[in-house]
């Protein structure tokens, strides 16, 4: 990613409450049509979509049981509760209220998964049978303790449920099989152990890794790659999908 786009994304994260596309165009000296083309080319989504996802991401820190949805949406710059609720649900799969209510149960589930003897969990949103596969060597920091989520996403910004995913606890090589034909981005997020429930939802100390270019699967395609997780940086895309809830719901379906 070039310096220009890093500056754009950093500006969005610093001013997510009020920033608009028009403001970005004026600040960086582009027409709206030219800026929009450049932004989509680098990030895979429009600037409007990116800003909306950033607002949802930063609202997570207010999603405990003691703060109202009204407080949460005002804090991130929404004037309408309805608009905030619709956007929140579209990007997380849950309404803000349901998100709040599930925090204690999901926290208990994640703490159990951290000490469980099972080292790898899998989830899939497709029943496709293909010979497309992807081998990924996951490299976590040596002292890492927690859960590492790895997924194949349809878009570069992880504001939707991955088509395939795995959760692991240590560095290892994993293989995604039966990948449907299409273009998918590979992303990973490592969440360290914590005794603060909100740290599993409003991610701030996590590790990240992703491949900028999509993998194109067709005609029984196979790939091999490596993901080396490092501390999150300000220009990383906002991750709005609720990873603990995703794992919890998928494992319940498998029982």
Protein backbone atom coordinates (compact mmCIF):
# COMPACT_ATOMS: atom_id res chain seq x y z
CA UNK A 1 0.00 0.00 0.00
CA UNK A 2 1.46 3.37 -0.99
CA UNK A 3 2.06 6.32 1.34
CA UNK A 4 -0.90 8.27 -0.04
CA UNK A 5 -3.43 5.56 0.84
CA UNK A 6 -1.84 5.02 4.25
CA UNK A 7 -2.39 8.72 4.95
CA UNK A 8 -6.01 8.49 3.77
CA UNK A 9 -6.79 5.49 5.99
CA UNK A 10 -5.01 7.03 8.98
CA UNK A 11 -7.09 10.20 8.52
CA UNK A 12 -10.31 8.15 8.42
CA UNK A 13 -9.42 6.35 11.66
CA UNK A 14 -8.50 9.61 13.37
CA UNK A 15 -11.70 11.37 12.25
CA UNK A 16 -14.19 8.50 11.85
CA UNK A 17 -16.95 10.34 13.73
CA UNK A 18 -17.34 13.14 11.18
CA UNK A 19 -15.25 12.36 8.09
CA UNK A 20 -16.98 12.34 4.69
CA UNK A 21 -15.88 11.44 1.18
CA UNK A 22 -16.13 15.10 0.13
CA UNK A 23 -13.83 16.06 2.99
CA UNK A 24 -11.29 13.42 1.92
CA UNK A 25 -11.37 14.63 -1.69
CA UNK A 26 -10.72 18.23 -0.67
CA UNK A 27 -7.96 17.32 1.78
CA UNK A 28 -6.05 15.10 -0.65
CA UNK A 29 -6.77 17.12 -3.81
CA UNK A 30 -8.80 14.70 -5.94
CA UNK A 31 -12.13 14.84 -7.71
CA UNK A 32 -14.69 12.52 -6.14
CA UNK A 33 -14.79 10.16 -9.13
CA UNK A 34 -10.98 9.85 -9.29
CA UNK A 35 -10.64 9.44 -5.53
CA UNK A 36 -13.36 6.77 -5.47
CA UNK A 37 -11.63 4.74 -8.20
CA UNK A 38 -8.29 4.88 -6.38
CA UNK A 39 -9.83 3.98 -3.02
CA UNK A 40 -11.68 0.94 -4.37
CA UNK A 41 -8.57 -0.21 -6.27
CA UNK A 42 -6.51 -0.28 -3.05
CA UNK A 43 -9.15 -1.40 -0.53
CA UNK A 44 -11.69 -3.42 -2.48
CA UNK A 45 -14.61 -1.37 -1.10
CA UNK A 46 -15.82 2.20 -1.46
CA UNK A 47 -14.76 4.94 0.95
CA UNK A 48 -18.38 5.20 2.14
CA UNK A 49 -18.39 1.49 3.04
CA UNK A 50 -15.02 1.76 4.75
CA UNK A 51 -16.10 4.74 6.87
CA UNK A 52 -19.35 2.99 7.85
CA UNK A 53 -17.37 -0.08 8.94
CA UNK A 54 -14.96 2.08 10.93
CA UNK A 55 -17.89 3.64 12.81
CA UNK A 56 -19.24 0.19 13.74
CA UNK A 57 -15.79 -0.99 14.80
CA UNK A 58 -15.26 1.95 17.15
CA UNK A 59 -18.75 1.58 18.59
CA UNK A 60 -17.74 -1.80 20.04
CA UNK A 61 -15.96 -0.16 22.97
CA UNK A 62 -19.36 1.12 24.13
CA UNK A 63 -21.14 -2.20 23.75
CA UNK A 64 -21.07 -3.33 27.37
CA UNK A 65 -24.22 -3.79 29.42
CA UNK A 66 -23.94 -0.40 31.10
CA UNK A 67 -24.10 1.88 28.06
CA UNK A 68 -27.13 2.51 25.91
CA UNK A 69 -27.35 2.08 22.15
CA UNK A 70 -28.09 5.82 22.00
CA UNK A 71 -24.76 6.58 23.70
CA UNK A 72 -22.93 4.20 21.37
CA UNK A 73 -24.28 5.69 18.14
CA UNK A 74 -23.77 9.29 19.28
CA UNK A 75 -20.16 8.53 20.23
CA UNK A 76 -19.32 7.39 16.69
CA UNK A 77 -21.12 10.23 14.92
CA UNK A 78 -24.53 8.79 13.99
CA UNK A 79 -27.51 11.09 14.51
CA UNK A 80 -30.10 8.37 13.88
CA UNK A 81 -30.47 5.29 16.08
CA UNK A 82 -32.18 3.47 13.21
CA UNK A 83 -29.36 4.11 10.75
CA UNK A 84 -26.77 3.02 13.31
CA UNK A 85 -28.71 -0.14 14.20
CA UNK A 86 -29.17 -1.15 10.55
CA UNK A 87 -25.52 -0.56 9.73
CA UNK A 88 -24.36 -2.37 12.87
CA UNK A 89 -26.50 -5.42 12.11
CA UNK A 90 -25.45 -5.49 8.45
CA UNK A 91 -21.78 -5.60 9.40
CA UNK A 92 -21.84 -7.83 12.50
CA UNK A 93 -24.90 -10.03 12.00
CA UNK A 94 -26.38 -8.87 15.32
CA UNK A 95 -28.36 -5.87 16.51
CA UNK A 96 -26.51 -3.65 19.02
CA UNK A 97 -28.78 -4.84 21.84
CA UNK A 98 -28.26 -8.53 21.06
CA UNK A 99 -24.55 -7.85 20.80
CA UNK A 100 -24.56 -6.36 24.30
CA UNK A 101 -26.57 -9.24 25.78
CA UNK A 102 -24.28 -11.89 24.30
CA UNK A 103 -21.02 -10.46 25.65
CA UNK A 104 -21.01 -12.45 28.96
CA UNK A 105 -21.92 -15.81 27.35
CA UNK A 106 -19.48 -15.39 24.49
CA UNK A 107 -16.72 -14.41 26.90
CA UNK A 108 -17.30 -17.60 28.91
CA UNK A 109 -17.25 -19.66 25.70
CA UNK A 110 -13.98 -18.11 24.48
CA UNK A 111 -12.26 -18.65 27.84
CA UNK A 112 -13.27 -22.32 27.69
CA UNK A 113 -11.98 -22.63 24.11
CA UNK A 114 -8.63 -21.17 25.16
CA UNK A 115 -7.99 -23.99 27.63
CA UNK A 116 -9.72 -26.77 25.69
CA UNK A 117 -7.48 -29.62 24.49
CA UNK A 118 -8.69 -29.15 20.92
CA UNK A 119 -6.05 -27.15 19.03
CA UNK A 120 -7.96 -26.28 15.85
CA UNK A 121 -11.60 -25.40 15.15
CA UNK A 122 -13.15 -25.18 11.69
CA UNK A 123 -16.23 -23.51 10.26
CA UNK A 124 -17.71 -23.34 6.78
CA UNK A 125 -20.58 -21.48 5.16
CA UNK A 126 -20.50 -23.58 2.00
CA UNK A 127 -21.25 -27.19 1.12
CA UNK A 128 -19.29 -27.00 -2.11
CA UNK A 129 -17.22 -30.04 -3.08
CA UNK A 130 -14.23 -28.97 -5.18
CA UNK A 131 -10.53 -29.69 -5.48
CA UNK A 132 -9.62 -26.05 -4.91
CA UNK A 133 -7.38 -25.76 -1.87
CA UNK A 134 -5.11 -23.33 -0.06
CA UNK A 135 -2.23 -24.31 2.23
CA UNK A 136 -1.33 -21.60 4.75
CA UNK A 137 1.66 -21.55 7.06
CA UNK A 138 0.53 -19.50 10.08
CA UNK A 139 3.36 -17.84 12.00
CA UNK A 140 2.33 -16.43 15.38
CA UNK A 141 4.63 -14.49 17.74
CA UNK A 142 6.61 -16.89 19.91
CA UNK A 143 5.02 -15.75 23.18
CA UNK A 144 1.45 -15.59 21.79
CA UNK A 145 -1.31 -17.13 23.91
CA UNK A 146 -4.88 -16.87 22.73
CA UNK A 147 -6.93 -17.68 19.63
CA UNK A 148 -5.97 -17.03 16.02
CA UNK A 149 -8.81 -16.69 13.49
CA UNK A 150 -8.01 -17.32 9.80
CA UNK A 151 -10.60 -16.83 7.07
CA UNK A 152 -11.29 -16.46 3.37
CA UNK A 153 -13.34 -13.32 2.71
CA UNK A 154 -15.15 -12.14 -0.41
CA UNK A 155 -13.90 -8.59 0.09
CA UNK A 156 -10.67 -7.13 1.42
CA UNK A 157 -12.39 -5.41 4.32
CA UNK A 158 -13.57 -8.03 6.87
CA UNK A 159 -17.05 -6.64 7.54
CA UNK A 160 -18.82 -9.85 6.52
CA UNK A 161 -18.73 -13.54 7.40
CA UNK A 162 -15.87 -15.50 5.78
CA UNK A 163 -16.74 -18.34 3.42
CA UNK A 164 -14.31 -20.67 5.19
CA UNK A 165 -12.41 -20.29 8.42
CA UNK A 166 -10.24 -21.95 11.02
CA UNK A 167 -9.28 -21.08 14.57
CA UNK A 168 -5.98 -22.22 16.06
CA UNK A 169 -3.86 -21.66 19.15
CA UNK A 170 -0.30 -21.96 17.87
CA UNK A 171 1.83 -21.62 14.73
CA UNK A 172 1.09 -24.41 12.28
CA UNK A 173 0.29 -25.19 8.66
CA UNK A 174 -3.41 -25.42 7.84
CA UNK A 175 -5.23 -26.36 4.65
CA UNK A 176 -8.53 -25.02 3.34
CA UNK A 177 -10.21 -27.66 1.17
CA UNK A 178 -13.35 -27.57 -0.99
CA UNK A 179 -13.00 -23.85 -1.66
CA UNK A 180 -15.76 -22.67 -4.02
CA UNK A 181 -14.80 -21.04 -7.31
CA UNK A 182 -14.33 -17.30 -6.96
CA UNK A 183 -12.04 -14.52 -5.68
CA UNK A 184 -11.22 -14.57 -1.97
CA UNK A 185 -8.97 -12.56 0.34
CA UNK A 186 -7.01 -14.35 3.06
CA UNK A 187 -6.94 -12.63 6.45
CA UNK A 188 -5.95 -13.57 9.98
CA UNK A 189 -6.48 -12.07 13.42
CA UNK A 190 -4.85 -13.25 16.65
CA UNK A 191 -6.62 -12.26 19.87
CA UNK A 192 -4.43 -12.57 23.00
CA UNK A 193 -5.83 -13.98 26.23
CA UNK A 194 -7.46 -11.36 28.41
CA UNK A 195 -9.71 -11.13 31.45
CA UNK A 196 -11.55 -8.12 30.03
CA UNK A 197 -14.59 -9.35 28.05
CA UNK A 198 -14.71 -6.25 25.85
CA UNK A 199 -11.20 -6.90 24.54
CA UNK A 200 -12.63 -9.80 22.52
CA UNK A 201 -15.11 -7.47 20.85
CA UNK A 202 -13.42 -4.08 20.60
CA UNK A 203 -10.10 -5.31 19.28
CA UNK A 204 -7.17 -3.05 20.12
CA UNK A 205 -4.24 -5.32 21.06
CA UNK A 206 -4.71 -7.96 18.41
CA UNK A 207 -2.30 -9.30 15.81
CA UNK A 208 -3.10 -9.11 12.10
CA UNK A 209 -1.93 -10.56 8.79
CA UNK A 210 -3.48 -10.51 5.34
CA UNK A 211 -2.67 -10.86 1.65
CA UNK A 212 -3.44 -7.71 -0.37
CA UNK A 213 -4.30 -9.55 -3.58
CA UNK A 214 -7.17 -12.05 -3.90
CA UNK A 215 -6.67 -15.74 -4.57
CA UNK A 216 -8.62 -16.76 -7.68
CA UNK A 217 -10.00 -20.28 -7.45
CA UNK A 218 -11.21 -22.17 -10.50
CA UNK A 219 -10.40 -25.41 -12.31
CA UNK A 220 -9.10 -27.22 -9.20
CA UNK A 221 -6.61 -24.50 -8.29
CA UNK A 222 -4.09 -24.96 -5.46
CA UNK A 223 -2.02 -22.33 -3.65
CA UNK A 224 0.55 -22.19 -0.85
CA UNK A 225 1.32 -19.10 1.21
CA UNK A 226 2.51 -17.85 4.60
CA UNK A 227 0.85 -15.44 7.03
CA UNK A 228 3.12 -13.88 9.65
CA UNK A 229 1.05 -12.11 12.26
CA UNK A 230 2.21 -8.76 13.65
CA UNK A 231 0.73 -6.09 15.87
CA UNK A 232 -2.17 -4.19 14.35
CA UNK A 233 -1.29 -0.90 12.65
CA UNK A 234 -3.63 2.12 12.21
CA UNK A 235 -4.16 1.50 8.50
CA UNK A 236 -5.41 -2.08 8.93
CA UNK A 237 -9.03 -2.43 7.72
CA UNK A 238 -11.68 -2.26 10.49
CA UNK A 239 -12.70 -5.78 11.47
CA UNK A 240 -16.41 -5.68 12.31
CA UNK A 241 -17.34 -9.36 12.11
CA UNK A 242 -17.82 -10.69 15.65
CA UNK A 243 -15.18 -13.44 15.70
CA UNK A 244 -16.18 -15.03 19.05
CA UNK A 245 -19.84 -15.12 17.99
CA UNK A 246 -18.89 -16.59 14.61
CA UNK A 247 -16.97 -19.46 16.22
CA UNK A 248 -19.65 -20.00 18.87
CA UNK A 249 -22.53 -20.14 16.37
CA UNK A 250 -20.71 -22.41 13.92
CA UNK A 251 -19.69 -24.93 16.59
CA UNK A 252 -23.25 -25.04 17.90
CA UNK A 253 -24.50 -25.90 14.40
CA UNK A 254 -22.01 -28.77 14.19
CA UNK A 255 -23.30 -30.44 17.35
